Amino acid sequence: MKSKKYKVLTSIILIGIFVFLAYINTITENELSNVHMSLPVSTMENEKTITNDLNPVLEYKLVNSKKDKEQGYVVETYREFEIYKDKNGTIYKTIPTENYNYLKYNISEDVNN
């Protein structure tokens, strides 16, 4: 009789824990969905005053492509750049960041139609 009580009590405690964890997860997801990220932009005193009026645009550019025919894949390396443009689209400054993305895909010589 005692083992049945322990099983019921254990089940109730586990259900309570799961409900509590679900509640915490819901709160965390709601907080994360409202997160906005701002990028700090460093300005040096020697820079032109025109760059102070510009906002950086982050863009990835292809910097390297490596083809390995023996393994049958290509690896492309993309680097993130801060690009400073004015309202007319004139680029005043491009600064590389330390962020990289890699794209690896298989190549095949045989094409079946």
C-alpha atoms as a PDB file:
ATOM      1  CA  MET A   1       0.000   0.000   0.000  1.00  0.00           C
ATOM      2  CA  LYS A   2       2.889   2.348   0.789  1.00  0.00           C
ATOM      3  CA  SER A   3       4.562   1.747  -2.592  1.00  0.00           C
ATOM      4  CA  LYS A   4       1.352   2.793  -4.359  1.00  0.00           C
ATOM      5  CA  LYS A   5       1.285   6.036  -2.336  1.00  0.00           C
ATOM      6  CA  TYR A   6       4.921   6.703  -3.233  1.00  0.00           C
ATOM      7  CA  LYS A   7       4.211   6.120  -6.929  1.00  0.00           C
ATOM      8  CA  VAL A   8       1.274   8.535  -6.846  1.00  0.00           C
ATOM      9  CA  LEU A   9       3.256  11.110  -4.864  1.00  0.00           C
ATOM     10  CA  THR A  10       6.232  10.782  -7.217  1.00  0.00           C
ATOM     11  CA  SER A  11       3.956  11.166 -10.238  1.00  0.00           C
ATOM     12  CA  ILE A  12       2.378  14.321  -8.803  1.00  0.00           C
ATOM     13  CA  ILE A  13       5.790  15.814  -8.020  1.00  0.00           C
ATOM     14  CA  LEU A  14       7.079  15.038 -11.538  1.00  0.00           C
ATOM     15  CA  ILE A  15       4.004  16.576 -13.143  1.00  0.00           C
ATOM     16  CA  GLY A  16       4.477  19.662 -10.976  1.00  0.00           C
ATOM     17  CA  ILE A  17       8.114  19.944 -12.037  1.00  0.00           C
ATOM     18  CA  PHE A  18       7.185  19.617 -15.724  1.00  0.00           C
ATOM     19  CA  VAL A  19       4.511  22.305 -15.395  1.00  0.00           C
ATOM     20  CA  PHE A  20       6.994  24.608 -13.651  1.00  0.00           C
ATOM     21  CA  LEU A  21       9.653  24.027 -16.364  1.00  0.00           C
ATOM     22  CA  ALA A  22       7.099  24.689 -19.116  1.00  0.00           C
ATOM     23  CA  TYR A  23       6.167  27.966 -17.414  1.00  0.00           C
ATOM     24  CA  ILE A  24       9.829  29.030 -17.130  1.00  0.00           C
ATOM     25  CA  ASN A  25      10.426  28.111 -20.787  1.00  0.00           C
ATOM     26  CA  THR A  26       7.463  30.238 -21.884  1.00  0.00           C
ATOM     27  CA  ILE A  27       8.761  33.255 -19.953  1.00  0.00           C
ATOM     28  CA  THR A  28      12.252  32.857 -21.457  1.00  0.00           C
ATOM     29  CA  GLU A  29      10.913  32.567 -25.025  1.00  0.00           C
ATOM     30  CA  ASN A  30       8.818  35.708 -24.568  1.00  0.00           C
ATOM     31  CA  GLU A  31      11.824  37.649 -23.283  1.00  0.00           C
ATOM     32  CA  LEU A  32      14.032  36.450 -26.130  1.00  0.00           C
ATOM     33  CA  SER A  33      11.506  37.383 -28.801  1.00  0.00           C
ATOM     34  CA  ASN A  34      11.666  41.011 -27.656  1.00  0.00           C
ATOM     35  CA  VAL A  35      15.462  41.267 -27.706  1.00  0.00           C
ATOM     36  CA  HIS A  36      16.874  43.977 -29.954  1.00  0.00           C
ATOM     37  CA  MET A  37      20.546  44.139 -30.690  1.00  0.00           C
ATOM     38  CA  SER A  38      22.423  47.353 -31.260  1.00  0.00           C
ATOM     39  CA  LEU A  39      25.881  47.370 -32.755  1.00  0.00           C
ATOM     40  CA  PRO A  40      28.428  49.690 -31.179  1.00  0.00           C
ATOM     41  CA  VAL A  41      30.344  51.761 -33.681  1.00  0.00           C
ATOM     42  CA  SER A  42      33.690  53.099 -32.610  1.00  0.00           C
ATOM     43  CA  THR A  43      34.624  56.557 -33.806  1.00  0.00           C
ATOM     44  CA  MET A  44      38.134  57.884 -33.728  1.00  0.00           C
ATOM     45  CA  GLU A  45      38.809  61.580 -33.265  1.00  0.00           C
ATOM     46  CA  ASN A  46      40.993  61.688 -36.394  1.00  0.00           C
ATOM     47  CA  GLU A  47      38.203  60.520 -38.695  1.00  0.00           C
ATOM     48  CA  LYS A  48      36.341  62.866 -40.978  1.00  0.00           C
ATOM     49  CA  THR A  49      33.209  64.408 -39.538  1.00  0.00           C
ATOM     50  CA  ILE A  50      31.229  62.992 -42.438  1.00  0.00           C
ATOM     51  CA  THR A  51      31.672  59.430 -41.138  1.00  0.00           C
ATOM     52  CA  ASN A  52      29.961  60.402 -37.881  1.00  0.00           C
ATOM     53  CA  ASP A  53      26.739  60.936 -39.836  1.00  0.00           C
ATOM     54  CA  LEU A  54      26.924  57.497 -41.459  1.00  0.00           C
ATOM     55  CA  ASN A  55      25.502  54.243 -40.132  1.00  0.00           C
ATOM     56  CA  PRO A  56      27.278  50.964 -40.841  1.00  0.00           C
ATOM     57  CA  VAL A  57      25.645  48.244 -42.888  1.00  0.00           C
ATOM     58  CA  LEU A  58      26.863  44.706 -42.170  1.00  0.00           C
ATOM     59  CA  GLU A  59      27.521  42.623 -45.258  1.00  0.00           C
ATOM     60  CA  TYR A  60      29.241  39.288 -45.929  1.00  0.00           C
ATOM     61  CA  LYS A  61      31.638  39.068 -48.872  1.00  0.00           C
ATOM     62  CA  LEU A  62      33.321  36.039 -50.414  1.00  0.00           C
ATOM     63  CA  VAL A  63      37.012  36.087 -49.451  1.00  0.00           C
ATOM     64  CA  ASN A  64      38.135  32.546 -50.294  1.00  0.00           C
ATOM     65  CA  SER A  65      36.945  29.507 -52.223  1.00  0.00           C
ATOM     66  CA  LYS A  66      38.708  26.152 -51.904  1.00  0.00           C
ATOM     67  CA  LYS A  67      37.881  23.260 -54.230  1.00  0.00           C
ATOM     68  CA  ASP A  68      38.925  19.732 -53.261  1.00  0.00           C
ATOM     69  CA  LYS A  69      38.205  17.409 -56.179  1.00  0.00           C
ATOM     70  CA  GLU A  70      39.472  14.318 -54.329  1.00  0.00           C
ATOM     71  CA  GLN A  71      37.003  14.753 -51.470  1.00  0.00           C
ATOM     72  CA  GLY A  72      34.329  16.132 -53.805  1.00  0.00           C
ATOM     73  CA  TYR A  73      33.427  19.400 -52.086  1.00  0.00           C
ATOM     74  CA  VAL A  74      33.928  23.147 -52.202  1.00  0.00           C
ATOM     75  CA  VAL A  75      34.388  25.351 -49.124  1.00  0.00           C
ATOM     76  CA  GLU A  76      33.609  29.050 -49.498  1.00  0.00           C
ATOM     77  CA  THR A  77      34.684  31.518 -46.812  1.00  0.00           C
ATOM     78  CA  TYR A  78      32.661  34.686 -46.282  1.00  0.00           C
ATOM     79  CA  ARG A  79      33.814  37.572 -44.068  1.00  0.00           C
ATOM     80  CA  GLU A  80      31.598  40.201 -42.505  1.00  0.00           C
ATOM     81  CA  PHE A  81      32.339  43.857 -43.284  1.00  0.00           C
ATOM     82  CA  GLU A  82      31.021  47.116 -41.848  1.00  0.00           C
ATOM     83  CA  ILE A  83      30.216  49.288 -44.841  1.00  0.00           C
ATOM     84  CA  TYR A  84      29.634  53.001 -44.316  1.00  0.00           C
ATOM     85  CA  LYS A  85      27.416  54.576 -46.993  1.00  0.00           C
ATOM     86  CA  ASP A  86      25.710  57.907 -47.307  1.00  0.00           C
ATOM     87  CA  LYS A  87      22.120  58.464 -48.423  1.00  0.00           C
ATOM     88  CA  ASN A  88      23.181  58.357 -52.085  1.00  0.00           C
ATOM     89  CA  GLY A  89      24.875  54.967 -51.712  1.00  0.00           C
ATOM     90  CA  THR A  90      28.444  56.259 -51.902  1.00  0.00           C
ATOM     91  CA  ILE A  91      30.770  54.017 -49.899  1.00  0.00           C
ATOM     92  CA  TYR A  92      33.078  56.029 -47.635  1.00  0.00           C
ATOM     93  CA  LYS A  93      34.676  53.299 -45.575  1.00  0.00           C
ATOM     94  CA  THR A  94      34.773  49.495 -45.365  1.00  0.00           C
ATOM     95  CA  ILE A  95      36.000  47.816 -42.168  1.00  0.00           C
ATOM     96  CA  PRO A  96      36.452  44.017 -41.911  1.00  0.00           C
ATOM     97  CA  THR A  97      35.150  42.366 -38.747  1.00  0.00           C
ATOM     98  CA  GLU A  98      36.273  39.134 -37.104  1.00  0.00           C
ATOM     99  CA  ASN A  99      33.091  37.255 -38.094  1.00  0.00           C
ATOM    100  CA  TYR A 100      33.340  34.521 -40.715  1.00  0.00           C
ATOM    101  CA  ASN A 101      30.798  32.122 -42.253  1.00  0.00           C
ATOM    102  CA  TYR A 102      31.695  28.971 -44.126  1.00  0.00           C
ATOM    103  CA  LEU A 103      29.660  27.277 -46.831  1.00  0.00           C
ATOM    104  CA  LYS A 104      30.577  23.700 -47.707  1.00  0.00           C
ATOM    105  CA  TYR A 105      28.819  21.823 -50.469  1.00  0.00           C
ATOM    106  CA  ASN A 106      29.394  18.728 -52.555  1.00  0.00           C
ATOM    107  CA  ILE A 107      30.402  18.920 -56.185  1.00  0.00           C
ATOM    108  CA  SER A 108      29.623  16.226 -58.661  1.00  0.00           C
ATOM    109  CA  GLU A 109      30.997  15.684 -62.130  1.00  0.00           C
ATOM    110  CA  ASP A 110      28.133  13.359 -63.107  1.00  0.00           C
ATOM    111  CA  VAL A 111      24.909  15.153 -63.955  1.00  0.00           C
ATOM    112  CA  ASN A 112      21.893  12.906 -64.392  1.00  0.00           C
ATOM    113  CA  ASN A 113      19.016  14.502 -66.264  1.00  0.00           C
END
